[in-house]
């Protein structure tokens, strides 16, 4: 009963208590009106009736039924921002119920439909990923039906792309350390995305500028091990070979000047590489070009397809037998 009272308080808070509540009709009256409107595809109107039914619900079980219907109506009306708090309150109050798995996948889809361009805030992407990973972990029977694996991959691609864009920004303002950390983050946590190879290439490039050849070769081997067909394998190998060739020329030049091998090697270790790859200006232009390319090929916001959306009401646990 305490949970029941809690949910009523929350629902009133969500709707601002600004709507006039008439208590002359029972909850079932408004529920039936909502069901009729939903069956006609008038989901926004149906949501209004379910709201009226919810504040009149006389038991936790009945309130749970109406609340899920209300959240689904908002979802199908395209009012994802309204649907999300109703789903989340439902999951908080009725987390142990069988119907919680439907609420979990649906709130994940609601967040999924609010995902925007990589250049924008990615909070909705992170929330969608959280709920869909919960579905994959707890409710494997829903994974194929709602294309959960594909949606998770799309969300991970979007988050990786965001990290790359931030790295390009740091490259443009000549801040190599945060740039390096962003690329490394992609390498560490998003190796399953299309940005992995490029991130490894950028990490190696920055490591060679600091004469950290051993670590650079480690990342190349990691890329080969993870994805030997990646187009950035050859580019990264060429980068390292070019670095070694340059260092060898420096060593031979030092020997020609009369220094012994030990002094030449020591000099080579103490002298940082000047332009292992390109001059700073050229490097900045390359990163700017990368960023421009990403902006030009910006994907449209991800959306749940109509087949998935309209299947919700076909499966609602509150349909009358």
C-alpha atoms as a PDB file:
ATOM      1  CA  UNK A   1       0.000   0.000   0.000  1.00  0.00           C
ATOM      2  CA  UNK A   2       2.892   2.369   0.736  1.00  0.00           C
ATOM      3  CA  UNK A   3       4.164   1.890  -2.802  1.00  0.00           C
ATOM      4  CA  UNK A   4       0.696   2.515  -4.161  1.00  0.00           C
ATOM      5  CA  UNK A   5       0.465   5.836  -2.322  1.00  0.00           C
ATOM      6  CA  UNK A   6       3.972   6.695  -3.456  1.00  0.00           C
ATOM      7  CA  UNK A   7       3.138   6.195  -7.122  1.00  0.00           C
ATOM      8  CA  UNK A   8       0.006   8.335  -6.865  1.00  0.00           C
ATOM      9  CA  UNK A   9       2.074  11.147  -5.327  1.00  0.00           C
ATOM     10  CA  UNK A  10       4.666  10.862  -8.082  1.00  0.00           C
ATOM     11  CA  UNK A  11       2.073  10.851 -10.838  1.00  0.00           C
ATOM     12  CA  UNK A  12       0.470  13.991  -9.402  1.00  0.00           C
ATOM     13  CA  UNK A  13       3.922  15.599  -9.328  1.00  0.00           C
ATOM     14  CA  UNK A  14       4.533  14.655 -12.963  1.00  0.00           C
ATOM     15  CA  UNK A  15       1.327  16.248 -14.150  1.00  0.00           C
ATOM     16  CA  UNK A  16       1.732  19.283 -11.903  1.00  0.00           C
ATOM     17  CA  UNK A  17      -1.630  18.811 -10.137  1.00  0.00           C
ATOM     18  CA  UNK A  18      -2.889  21.535 -12.478  1.00  0.00           C
ATOM     19  CA  UNK A  19      -5.545  19.361 -14.075  1.00  0.00           C
ATOM     20  CA  UNK A  20      -8.947  19.316 -12.477  1.00  0.00           C
ATOM     21  CA  UNK A  21      -9.747  15.907 -11.039  1.00  0.00           C
ATOM     22  CA  UNK A  22     -13.356  14.807 -11.160  1.00  0.00           C
ATOM     23  CA  UNK A  23     -14.190  11.924  -8.867  1.00  0.00           C
ATOM     24  CA  UNK A  24     -17.696  11.206 -10.091  1.00  0.00           C
ATOM     25  CA  UNK A  25     -16.665   8.321 -12.366  1.00  0.00           C
ATOM     26  CA  UNK A  26     -14.784   5.109 -11.461  1.00  0.00           C
ATOM     27  CA  UNK A  27     -11.329   4.299 -12.815  1.00  0.00           C
ATOM     28  CA  UNK A  28     -12.709   1.570 -15.075  1.00  0.00           C
ATOM     29  CA  UNK A  29     -14.846   4.125 -16.918  1.00  0.00           C
ATOM     30  CA  UNK A  30     -11.791   6.137 -17.956  1.00  0.00           C
ATOM     31  CA  UNK A  31      -9.731   3.030 -18.623  1.00  0.00           C
ATOM     32  CA  UNK A  32     -12.316   1.798 -21.135  1.00  0.00           C
ATOM     33  CA  UNK A  33     -12.379   5.197 -22.801  1.00  0.00           C
ATOM     34  CA  UNK A  34      -8.577   5.091 -23.023  1.00  0.00           C
ATOM     35  CA  UNK A  35      -8.629   1.583 -24.516  1.00  0.00           C
ATOM     36  CA  UNK A  36     -11.146   2.664 -27.150  1.00  0.00           C
ATOM     37  CA  UNK A  37      -9.130   5.722 -28.143  1.00  0.00           C
ATOM     38  CA  UNK A  38      -5.892   3.703 -28.250  1.00  0.00           C
ATOM     39  CA  UNK A  39      -7.485   1.091 -30.516  1.00  0.00           C
ATOM     40  CA  UNK A  40      -8.361   3.943 -32.892  1.00  0.00           C
ATOM     41  CA  UNK A  41      -4.768   5.213 -32.864  1.00  0.00           C
ATOM     42  CA  UNK A  42      -5.640   8.320 -30.849  1.00  0.00           C
ATOM     43  CA  UNK A  43      -2.858   7.812 -28.365  1.00  0.00           C
ATOM     44  CA  UNK A  44      -2.573  11.384 -27.040  1.00  0.00           C
ATOM     45  CA  UNK A  45      -6.278  11.405 -26.186  1.00  0.00           C
ATOM     46  CA  UNK A  46      -6.003   7.913 -24.719  1.00  0.00           C
ATOM     47  CA  UNK A  47      -3.203   9.134 -22.428  1.00  0.00           C
ATOM     48  CA  UNK A  48      -5.509  11.794 -20.993  1.00  0.00           C
ATOM     49  CA  UNK A  49      -8.070   9.136 -20.090  1.00  0.00           C
ATOM     50  CA  UNK A  50      -5.471   6.848 -18.567  1.00  0.00           C
ATOM     51  CA  UNK A  51      -4.279   9.759 -16.415  1.00  0.00           C
ATOM     52  CA  UNK A  52      -7.827  10.144 -15.130  1.00  0.00           C
ATOM     53  CA  UNK A  53      -8.074   6.405 -14.471  1.00  0.00           C
ATOM     54  CA  UNK A  54      -4.731   6.314 -12.677  1.00  0.00           C
ATOM     55  CA  UNK A  55      -5.625   8.893 -10.033  1.00  0.00           C
ATOM     56  CA  UNK A  56      -8.779   6.891  -9.260  1.00  0.00           C
ATOM     57  CA  UNK A  57      -7.101   3.459  -9.079  1.00  0.00           C
ATOM     58  CA  UNK A  58      -8.048   1.645  -5.896  1.00  0.00           C
ATOM     59  CA  UNK A  59      -5.219  -0.898  -5.674  1.00  0.00           C
ATOM     60  CA  UNK A  60      -1.506  -1.174  -6.532  1.00  0.00           C
ATOM     61  CA  UNK A  61      -2.233  -3.926  -9.049  1.00  0.00           C
ATOM     62  CA  UNK A  62      -4.771  -1.848 -10.911  1.00  0.00           C
ATOM     63  CA  UNK A  63      -2.578   1.265 -10.746  1.00  0.00           C
ATOM     64  CA  UNK A  64       0.290  -0.725 -12.322  1.00  0.00           C
ATOM     65  CA  UNK A  65      -1.952  -1.775 -15.210  1.00  0.00           C
ATOM     66  CA  UNK A  66      -3.087   1.777 -15.901  1.00  0.00           C
ATOM     67  CA  UNK A  67       0.360   3.291 -15.507  1.00  0.00           C
ATOM     68  CA  UNK A  68       1.879   1.018 -18.142  1.00  0.00           C
ATOM     69  CA  UNK A  69      -1.009   1.834 -20.474  1.00  0.00           C
ATOM     70  CA  UNK A  70      -0.409   5.536 -19.866  1.00  0.00           C
ATOM     71  CA  UNK A  71       3.320   5.295 -20.591  1.00  0.00           C
ATOM     72  CA  UNK A  72       2.674   3.280 -23.774  1.00  0.00           C
ATOM     73  CA  UNK A  73       0.135   5.845 -24.957  1.00  0.00           C
ATOM     74  CA  UNK A  74       2.675   8.631 -24.579  1.00  0.00           C
ATOM     75  CA  UNK A  75       5.250   6.514 -26.386  1.00  0.00           C
ATOM     76  CA  UNK A  76       2.980   5.735 -29.322  1.00  0.00           C
ATOM     77  CA  UNK A  77       1.949   9.384 -29.519  1.00  0.00           C
ATOM     78  CA  UNK A  78       5.625  10.244 -29.957  1.00  0.00           C
ATOM     79  CA  UNK A  79       5.737  12.024 -26.584  1.00  0.00           C
ATOM     80  CA  UNK A  80       8.875  10.261 -25.420  1.00  0.00           C
ATOM     81  CA  UNK A  81       9.796  12.937 -22.876  1.00  0.00           C
ATOM     82  CA  UNK A  82       6.428  12.373 -21.186  1.00  0.00           C
ATOM     83  CA  UNK A  83       6.657   8.592 -21.434  1.00  0.00           C
ATOM     84  CA  UNK A  84      10.096   8.246 -19.846  1.00  0.00           C
ATOM     85  CA  UNK A  85       9.315   9.409 -16.262  1.00  0.00           C
ATOM     86  CA  UNK A  86       6.162   7.283 -16.191  1.00  0.00           C
ATOM     87  CA  UNK A  87       8.145   4.202 -17.239  1.00  0.00           C
ATOM     88  CA  UNK A  88      10.925   4.987 -14.770  1.00  0.00           C
ATOM     89  CA  UNK A  89       8.550   5.470 -11.849  1.00  0.00           C
ATOM     90  CA  UNK A  90       6.886   2.202 -12.841  1.00  0.00           C
ATOM     91  CA  UNK A  91      10.252   0.408 -12.764  1.00  0.00           C
ATOM     92  CA  UNK A  92      11.096   1.899  -9.386  1.00  0.00           C
ATOM     93  CA  UNK A  93       7.808   0.912  -7.793  1.00  0.00           C
ATOM     94  CA  UNK A  94       7.079  -2.382  -9.575  1.00  0.00           C
ATOM     95  CA  UNK A  95      10.622  -3.593 -10.235  1.00  0.00           C
ATOM     96  CA  UNK A  96       9.877  -7.156  -9.161  1.00  0.00           C
ATOM     97  CA  UNK A  97       6.840  -7.591 -11.382  1.00  0.00           C
ATOM     98  CA  UNK A  98       6.759  -9.650 -14.575  1.00  0.00           C
ATOM     99  CA  UNK A  99       5.645  -6.639 -16.627  1.00  0.00           C
ATOM    100  CA  UNK A 100       8.788  -4.741 -15.545  1.00  0.00           C
ATOM    101  CA  UNK A 101      10.662  -6.288 -18.459  1.00  0.00           C
ATOM    102  CA  UNK A 102       8.262  -4.632 -20.923  1.00  0.00           C
ATOM    103  CA  UNK A 103       8.701  -1.306 -19.173  1.00  0.00           C
ATOM    104  CA  UNK A 104      12.496  -1.715 -19.330  1.00  0.00           C
ATOM    105  CA  UNK A 105      12.651  -2.291 -23.070  1.00  0.00           C
ATOM    106  CA  UNK A 106      10.118   0.456 -23.766  1.00  0.00           C
ATOM    107  CA  UNK A 107      11.900   3.120 -21.725  1.00  0.00           C
ATOM    108  CA  UNK A 108      15.075   2.103 -23.537  1.00  0.00           C
ATOM    109  CA  UNK A 109      13.321   2.641 -26.879  1.00  0.00           C
ATOM    110  CA  UNK A 110      11.967   5.981 -25.686  1.00  0.00           C
ATOM    111  CA  UNK A 111      15.477   7.208 -24.887  1.00  0.00           C
ATOM    112  CA  UNK A 112      16.682   5.674 -28.163  1.00  0.00           C
ATOM    113  CA  UNK A 113      14.229   7.850 -30.075  1.00  0.00           C
ATOM    114  CA  UNK A 114      15.586  10.960 -28.352  1.00  0.00           C
ATOM    115  CA  UNK A 115      19.191  10.363 -29.441  1.00  0.00           C
ATOM    116  CA  UNK A 116      20.538  13.257 -31.478  1.00  0.00           C
ATOM    117  CA  UNK A 117      23.649  14.152 -33.478  1.00  0.00           C
ATOM    118  CA  UNK A 118      27.062  13.284 -32.078  1.00  0.00           C
ATOM    119  CA  UNK A 119      27.895  16.982 -31.792  1.00  0.00           C
ATOM    120  CA  UNK A 120      25.065  17.389 -29.267  1.00  0.00           C
ATOM    121  CA  UNK A 121      24.656  16.213 -25.676  1.00  0.00           C
ATOM    122  CA  UNK A 122      24.694  12.401 -25.429  1.00  0.00           C
ATOM    123  CA  UNK A 123      22.829  11.901 -22.141  1.00  0.00           C
ATOM    124  CA  UNK A 124      19.902  10.248 -23.925  1.00  0.00           C
ATOM    125  CA  UNK A 125      22.329   7.954 -25.760  1.00  0.00           C
ATOM    126  CA  UNK A 126      23.879   6.856 -22.475  1.00  0.00           C
ATOM    127  CA  UNK A 127      20.467   6.284 -20.856  1.00  0.00           C
ATOM    128  CA  UNK A 128      19.206   4.295 -23.851  1.00  0.00           C
ATOM    129  CA  UNK A 129      22.355   2.160 -23.739  1.00  0.00           C
ATOM    130  CA  UNK A 130      21.906   1.557 -20.012  1.00  0.00           C
ATOM    131  CA  UNK A 131      18.334   0.263 -20.352  1.00  0.00           C
ATOM    132  CA  UNK A 132      18.951  -1.804 -23.479  1.00  0.00           C
ATOM    133  CA  UNK A 133      21.970  -3.461 -21.885  1.00  0.00           C
ATOM    134  CA  UNK A 134      19.697  -4.241 -18.913  1.00  0.00           C
ATOM    135  CA  UNK A 135      17.283  -5.903 -21.322  1.00  0.00           C
ATOM    136  CA  UNK A 136      20.080  -7.954 -22.873  1.00  0.00           C
ATOM    137  CA  UNK A 137      21.315  -9.059 -19.450  1.00  0.00           C
ATOM    138  CA  UNK A 138      17.988  -9.739 -17.725  1.00  0.00           C
ATOM    139  CA  UNK A 139      15.496 -10.477 -20.507  1.00  0.00           C
ATOM    140  CA  UNK A 140      17.237 -12.323 -23.373  1.00  0.00           C
ATOM    141  CA  UNK A 141      13.868 -13.401 -24.784  1.00  0.00           C
ATOM    142  CA  UNK A 142      13.244  -9.777 -25.862  1.00  0.00           C
ATOM    143  CA  UNK A 143      16.631  -9.204 -27.539  1.00  0.00           C
ATOM    144  CA  UNK A 144      15.775 -10.453 -31.019  1.00  0.00           C
ATOM    145  CA  UNK A 145      12.221  -9.128 -31.020  1.00  0.00           C
ATOM    146  CA  UNK A 146      13.296  -5.548 -30.345  1.00  0.00           C
ATOM    147  CA  UNK A 147      16.617  -5.634 -32.261  1.00  0.00           C
ATOM    148  CA  UNK A 148      18.417  -4.917 -29.002  1.00  0.00           C
ATOM    149  CA  UNK A 149      21.895  -5.937 -30.230  1.00  0.00           C
ATOM    150  CA  UNK A 150      21.659  -3.696 -33.280  1.00  0.00           C
ATOM    151  CA  UNK A 151      20.407  -0.772 -31.228  1.00  0.00           C
ATOM    152  CA  UNK A 152      23.194  -1.205 -28.679  1.00  0.00           C
ATOM    153  CA  UNK A 153      25.769  -1.170 -31.464  1.00  0.00           C
ATOM    154  CA  UNK A 154      24.282   2.006 -32.967  1.00  0.00           C
ATOM    155  CA  UNK A 155      24.425   3.692 -29.562  1.00  0.00           C
ATOM    156  CA  UNK A 156      28.046   2.663 -29.026  1.00  0.00           C
ATOM    157  CA  UNK A 157      28.964   4.003 -32.453  1.00  0.00           C
ATOM    158  CA  UNK A 158      27.362   7.311 -31.549  1.00  0.00           C
ATOM    159  CA  UNK A 159      29.260   7.587 -28.252  1.00  0.00           C
ATOM    160  CA  UNK A 160      32.554   6.694 -29.947  1.00  0.00           C
ATOM    161  CA  UNK A 161      31.912   9.317 -32.586  1.00  0.00           C
ATOM    162  CA  UNK A 162      31.353  11.915 -29.871  1.00  0.00           C
ATOM    163  CA  UNK A 163      34.740  11.069 -28.332  1.00  0.00           C
ATOM    164  CA  UNK A 164      36.443  11.404 -31.725  1.00  0.00           C
ATOM    165  CA  UNK A 165      34.867  14.794 -32.316  1.00  0.00           C
ATOM    166  CA  UNK A 166      36.090  16.033 -28.939  1.00  0.00           C
ATOM    167  CA  UNK A 167      39.577  14.727 -29.761  1.00  0.00           C
ATOM    168  CA  UNK A 168      39.543  16.608 -33.089  1.00  0.00           C
ATOM    169  CA  UNK A 169      38.599  19.750 -31.208  1.00  0.00           C
ATOM    170  CA  UNK A 170      41.612  19.401 -28.904  1.00  0.00           C
ATOM    171  CA  UNK A 171      43.816  18.796 -31.938  1.00  0.00           C
ATOM    172  CA  UNK A 172      42.549  22.003 -33.518  1.00  0.00           C
ATOM    173  CA  UNK A 173      43.382  24.090 -30.456  1.00  0.00           C
ATOM    174  CA  UNK A 174      46.773  22.348 -30.108  1.00  0.00           C
ATOM    175  CA  UNK A 175      46.138  20.492 -26.836  1.00  0.00           C
ATOM    176  CA  UNK A 176      47.850  17.131 -27.508  1.00  0.00           C
ATOM    177  CA  UNK A 177      47.427  15.574 -24.041  1.00  0.00           C
ATOM    178  CA  UNK A 178      43.598  15.686 -23.811  1.00  0.00           C
ATOM    179  CA  UNK A 179      43.503  14.820 -27.519  1.00  0.00           C
ATOM    180  CA  UNK A 180      45.581  11.708 -26.808  1.00  0.00           C
ATOM    181  CA  UNK A 181      43.382  10.708 -23.846  1.00  0.00           C
ATOM    182  CA  UNK A 182      40.202  10.911 -25.952  1.00  0.00           C
ATOM    183  CA  UNK A 183      41.660   8.708 -28.683  1.00  0.00           C
ATOM    184  CA  UNK A 184      42.922   6.279 -26.067  1.00  0.00           C
ATOM    185  CA  UNK A 185      39.460   6.144 -24.505  1.00  0.00           C
ATOM    186  CA  UNK A 186      37.990   5.079 -27.847  1.00  0.00           C
ATOM    187  CA  UNK A 187      40.707   2.427 -28.242  1.00  0.00           C
ATOM    188  CA  UNK A 188      40.023   1.081 -24.742  1.00  0.00           C
ATOM    189  CA  UNK A 189      36.216   1.122 -24.622  1.00  0.00           C
ATOM    190  CA  UNK A 190      34.986   1.197 -28.226  1.00  0.00           C
ATOM    191  CA  UNK A 191      37.117  -1.350 -30.046  1.00  0.00           C
ATOM    192  CA  UNK A 192      33.956  -2.784 -31.603  1.00  0.00           C
ATOM    193  CA  UNK A 193      33.123   0.455 -33.459  1.00  0.00           C
ATOM    194  CA  UNK A 194      34.130   1.800 -36.859  1.00  0.00           C
ATOM    195  CA  UNK A 195      36.256   4.468 -35.151  1.00  0.00           C
ATOM    196  CA  UNK A 196      38.628   2.000 -33.508  1.00  0.00           C
ATOM    197  CA  UNK A 197      41.230   1.799 -36.289  1.00  0.00           C
ATOM    198  CA  UNK A 198      41.447   5.552 -36.728  1.00  0.00           C
ATOM    199  CA  UNK A 199      41.754   6.057 -32.969  1.00  0.00           C
ATOM    200  CA  UNK A 200      44.696   3.601 -32.841  1.00  0.00           C
ATOM    201  CA  UNK A 201      46.360   5.439 -35.726  1.00  0.00           C
ATOM    202  CA  UNK A 202      46.008   8.776 -33.927  1.00  0.00           C
ATOM    203  CA  UNK A 203      47.308   7.305 -30.639  1.00  0.00           C
ATOM    204  CA  UNK A 204      50.381   5.893 -32.393  1.00  0.00           C
ATOM    205  CA  UNK A 205      50.985   9.178 -34.165  1.00  0.00           C
ATOM    206  CA  UNK A 206      51.024  11.106 -30.892  1.00  0.00           C
ATOM    207  CA  UNK A 207      53.181   8.484 -29.151  1.00  0.00           C
ATOM    208  CA  UNK A 208      55.843   8.696 -31.867  1.00  0.00           C
ATOM    209  CA  UNK A 209      55.969  12.449 -31.447  1.00  0.00           C
ATOM    210  CA  UNK A 210      57.026  11.715 -27.872  1.00  0.00           C
ATOM    211  CA  UNK A 211      59.523   9.027 -29.035  1.00  0.00           C
ATOM    212  CA  UNK A 212      57.528   6.278 -27.304  1.00  0.00           C
ATOM    213  CA  UNK A 213      58.153   3.663 -29.985  1.00  0.00           C
ATOM    214  CA  UNK A 214      57.608   0.591 -27.825  1.00  0.00           C
ATOM    215  CA  UNK A 215      54.136   1.676 -26.736  1.00  0.00           C
ATOM    216  CA  UNK A 216      53.294   2.712 -30.293  1.00  0.00           C
ATOM    217  CA  UNK A 217      54.215  -0.773 -31.539  1.00  0.00           C
ATOM    218  CA  UNK A 218      52.039  -2.284 -28.796  1.00  0.00           C
ATOM    219  CA  UNK A 219      48.979  -0.452 -30.136  1.00  0.00           C
ATOM    220  CA  UNK A 220      49.767  -1.533 -33.688  1.00  0.00           C
ATOM    221  CA  UNK A 221      49.956  -5.167 -32.572  1.00  0.00           C
ATOM    222  CA  UNK A 222      46.691  -4.721 -30.677  1.00  0.00           C
ATOM    223  CA  UNK A 223      44.976  -3.413 -33.801  1.00  0.00           C
ATOM    224  CA  UNK A 224      46.332  -6.295 -35.875  1.00  0.00           C
ATOM    225  CA  UNK A 225      45.162  -8.785 -33.245  1.00  0.00           C
ATOM    226  CA  UNK A 226      41.692  -7.257 -32.986  1.00  0.00           C
ATOM    227  CA  UNK A 227      41.074  -6.478 -36.646  1.00  0.00           C
ATOM    228  CA  UNK A 228      43.886  -7.311 -39.061  1.00  0.00           C
ATOM    229  CA  UNK A 229      41.741  -6.306 -42.052  1.00  0.00           C
ATOM    230  CA  UNK A 230      41.259  -2.780 -40.736  1.00  0.00           C
ATOM    231  CA  UNK A 231      42.421  -0.211 -43.281  1.00  0.00           C
ATOM    232  CA  UNK A 232      44.364   1.649 -40.591  1.00  0.00           C
ATOM    233  CA  UNK A 233      46.711  -1.310 -40.008  1.00  0.00           C
ATOM    234  CA  UNK A 234      48.746  -0.448 -43.119  1.00  0.00           C
ATOM    235  CA  UNK A 235      48.665   3.276 -42.368  1.00  0.00           C
ATOM    236  CA  UNK A 236      49.838   2.745 -38.802  1.00  0.00           C
ATOM    237  CA  UNK A 237      52.592   0.340 -39.899  1.00  0.00           C
ATOM    238  CA  UNK A 238      53.792   2.867 -42.468  1.00  0.00           C
ATOM    239  CA  UNK A 239      53.865   5.554 -39.766  1.00  0.00           C
ATOM    240  CA  UNK A 240      56.086   3.412 -37.523  1.00  0.00           C
ATOM    241  CA  UNK A 241      58.354   2.367 -40.409  1.00  0.00           C
ATOM    242  CA  UNK A 242      58.818   6.005 -41.375  1.00  0.00           C
ATOM    243  CA  UNK A 243      59.722   6.845 -37.783  1.00  0.00           C
ATOM    244  CA  UNK A 244      62.314   4.046 -37.613  1.00  0.00           C
ATOM    245  CA  UNK A 245      63.816   5.073 -40.941  1.00  0.00           C
ATOM    246  CA  UNK A 246      64.190   8.637 -39.720  1.00  0.00           C
ATOM    247  CA  UNK A 247      65.858   7.507 -36.522  1.00  0.00           C
ATOM    248  CA  UNK A 248      68.262   5.274 -38.399  1.00  0.00           C
ATOM    249  CA  UNK A 249      69.283   8.172 -40.628  1.00  0.00           C
ATOM    250  CA  UNK A 250      69.919  10.299 -37.555  1.00  0.00           C
ATOM    251  CA  UNK A 251      72.079   7.548 -36.056  1.00  0.00           C
ATOM    252  CA  UNK A 252      74.189   7.158 -39.197  1.00  0.00           C
ATOM    253  CA  UNK A 253      74.590  10.894 -39.517  1.00  0.00           C
ATOM    254  CA  UNK A 254      75.870  11.074 -35.955  1.00  0.00           C
ATOM    255  CA  UNK A 255      78.405   8.314 -36.707  1.00  0.00           C
ATOM    256  CA  UNK A 256      79.641  10.143 -39.790  1.00  0.00           C
ATOM    257  CA  UNK A 257      80.449  13.134 -37.614  1.00  0.00           C
ATOM    258  CA  UNK A 258      82.919  11.030 -35.666  1.00  0.00           C
ATOM    259  CA  UNK A 259      80.833  10.113 -32.639  1.00  0.00           C
ATOM    260  CA  UNK A 260      80.870   6.535 -31.390  1.00  0.00           C
ATOM    261  CA  UNK A 261      77.768   4.346 -31.476  1.00  0.00           C
ATOM    262  CA  UNK A 262      77.062   4.783 -27.788  1.00  0.00           C
ATOM    263  CA  UNK A 263      77.047   8.578 -27.999  1.00  0.00           C
ATOM    264  CA  UNK A 264      75.006   8.496 -31.191  1.00  0.00           C
ATOM    265  CA  UNK A 265      72.385   6.267 -29.600  1.00  0.00           C
ATOM    266  CA  UNK A 266      72.304   8.479 -26.525  1.00  0.00           C
ATOM    267  CA  UNK A 267      71.893  11.578 -28.655  1.00  0.00           C
ATOM    268  CA  UNK A 268      69.109   9.900 -30.604  1.00  0.00           C
ATOM    269  CA  UNK A 269      67.266   9.028 -27.386  1.00  0.00           C
ATOM    270  CA  UNK A 270      67.582  12.516 -25.947  1.00  0.00           C
ATOM    271  CA  UNK A 271      66.554  14.358 -29.117  1.00  0.00           C
ATOM    272  CA  UNK A 272      62.775  14.338 -29.664  1.00  0.00           C
ATOM    273  CA  UNK A 273      61.458  13.697 -33.139  1.00  0.00           C
ATOM    274  CA  UNK A 274      60.715  16.971 -34.867  1.00  0.00           C
ATOM    275  CA  UNK A 275      58.313  16.031 -37.612  1.00  0.00           C
ATOM    276  CA  UNK A 276      57.803  12.287 -37.592  1.00  0.00           C
ATOM    277  CA  UNK A 277      54.594  12.713 -39.488  1.00  0.00           C
ATOM    278  CA  UNK A 278      53.621  16.171 -40.692  1.00  0.00           C
ATOM    279  CA  UNK A 279      54.405  19.687 -39.494  1.00  0.00           C
ATOM    280  CA  UNK A 280      52.100  21.007 -36.770  1.00  0.00           C
ATOM    281  CA  UNK A 281      50.201  23.119 -39.262  1.00  0.00           C
ATOM    282  CA  UNK A 282      49.605  20.176 -41.602  1.00  0.00           C
ATOM    283  CA  UNK A 283      48.547  17.993 -38.683  1.00  0.00           C
ATOM    284  CA  UNK A 284      46.031  20.615 -37.587  1.00  0.00           C
ATOM    285  CA  UNK A 285      44.647  20.805 -41.124  1.00  0.00           C
ATOM    286  CA  UNK A 286      44.255  17.011 -41.203  1.00  0.00           C
ATOM    287  CA  UNK A 287      42.279  16.959 -37.962  1.00  0.00           C
ATOM    288  CA  UNK A 288      40.129  19.843 -39.137  1.00  0.00           C
ATOM    289  CA  UNK A 289      39.428  17.930 -42.344  1.00  0.00           C
ATOM    290  CA  UNK A 290      38.496  14.851 -40.288  1.00  0.00           C
ATOM    291  CA  UNK A 291      36.084  16.905 -38.199  1.00  0.00           C
ATOM    292  CA  UNK A 292      34.556  18.517 -41.289  1.00  0.00           C
ATOM    293  CA  UNK A 293      34.069  15.102 -42.866  1.00  0.00           C
ATOM    294  CA  UNK A 294      32.246  13.855 -39.766  1.00  0.00           C
ATOM    295  CA  UNK A 295      29.951  16.875 -39.797  1.00  0.00           C
ATOM    296  CA  UNK A 296      29.196  16.406 -43.502  1.00  0.00           C
ATOM    297  CA  UNK A 297      28.275  12.754 -43.011  1.00  0.00           C
ATOM    298  CA  UNK A 298      26.184  13.319 -39.904  1.00  0.00           C
ATOM    299  CA  UNK A 299      23.585  10.597 -39.430  1.00  0.00           C
ATOM    300  CA  UNK A 300      19.962  11.361 -38.837  1.00  0.00           C
ATOM    301  CA  UNK A 301      18.707  10.785 -35.294  1.00  0.00           C
ATOM    302  CA  UNK A 302      18.021   7.107 -34.743  1.00  0.00           C
ATOM    303  CA  UNK A 303      14.346   6.179 -34.673  1.00  0.00           C
ATOM    304  CA  UNK A 304      12.382   3.082 -33.757  1.00  0.00           C
ATOM    305  CA  UNK A 305      10.623   1.687 -36.819  1.00  0.00           C
ATOM    306  CA  UNK A 306       6.836   1.718 -37.072  1.00  0.00           C
ATOM    307  CA  UNK A 307       6.632  -2.063 -36.862  1.00  0.00           C
ATOM    308  CA  UNK A 308       8.340  -2.041 -33.456  1.00  0.00           C
ATOM    309  CA  UNK A 309       6.315   0.906 -32.189  1.00  0.00           C
ATOM    310  CA  UNK A 310       2.870  -0.355 -33.072  1.00  0.00           C
ATOM    311  CA  UNK A 311       3.643  -3.798 -31.732  1.00  0.00           C
ATOM    312  CA  UNK A 312       3.618  -2.363 -28.219  1.00  0.00           C
ATOM    313  CA  UNK A 313      -0.130  -2.251 -27.823  1.00  0.00           C
ATOM    314  CA  UNK A 314      -0.497  -5.708 -29.310  1.00  0.00           C
ATOM    315  CA  UNK A 315       1.493  -7.064 -26.370  1.00  0.00           C
ATOM    316  CA  UNK A 316       0.197  -4.910 -23.543  1.00  0.00           C
ATOM    317  CA  UNK A 317      -0.494  -6.987 -20.442  1.00  0.00           C
ATOM    318  CA  UNK A 318      -3.548  -4.920 -19.636  1.00  0.00           C
ATOM    319  CA  UNK A 319      -5.579  -6.008 -22.702  1.00  0.00           C
ATOM    320  CA  UNK A 320      -8.848  -7.528 -21.689  1.00  0.00           C
ATOM    321  CA  UNK A 321      -9.120 -11.237 -22.265  1.00  0.00           C
END
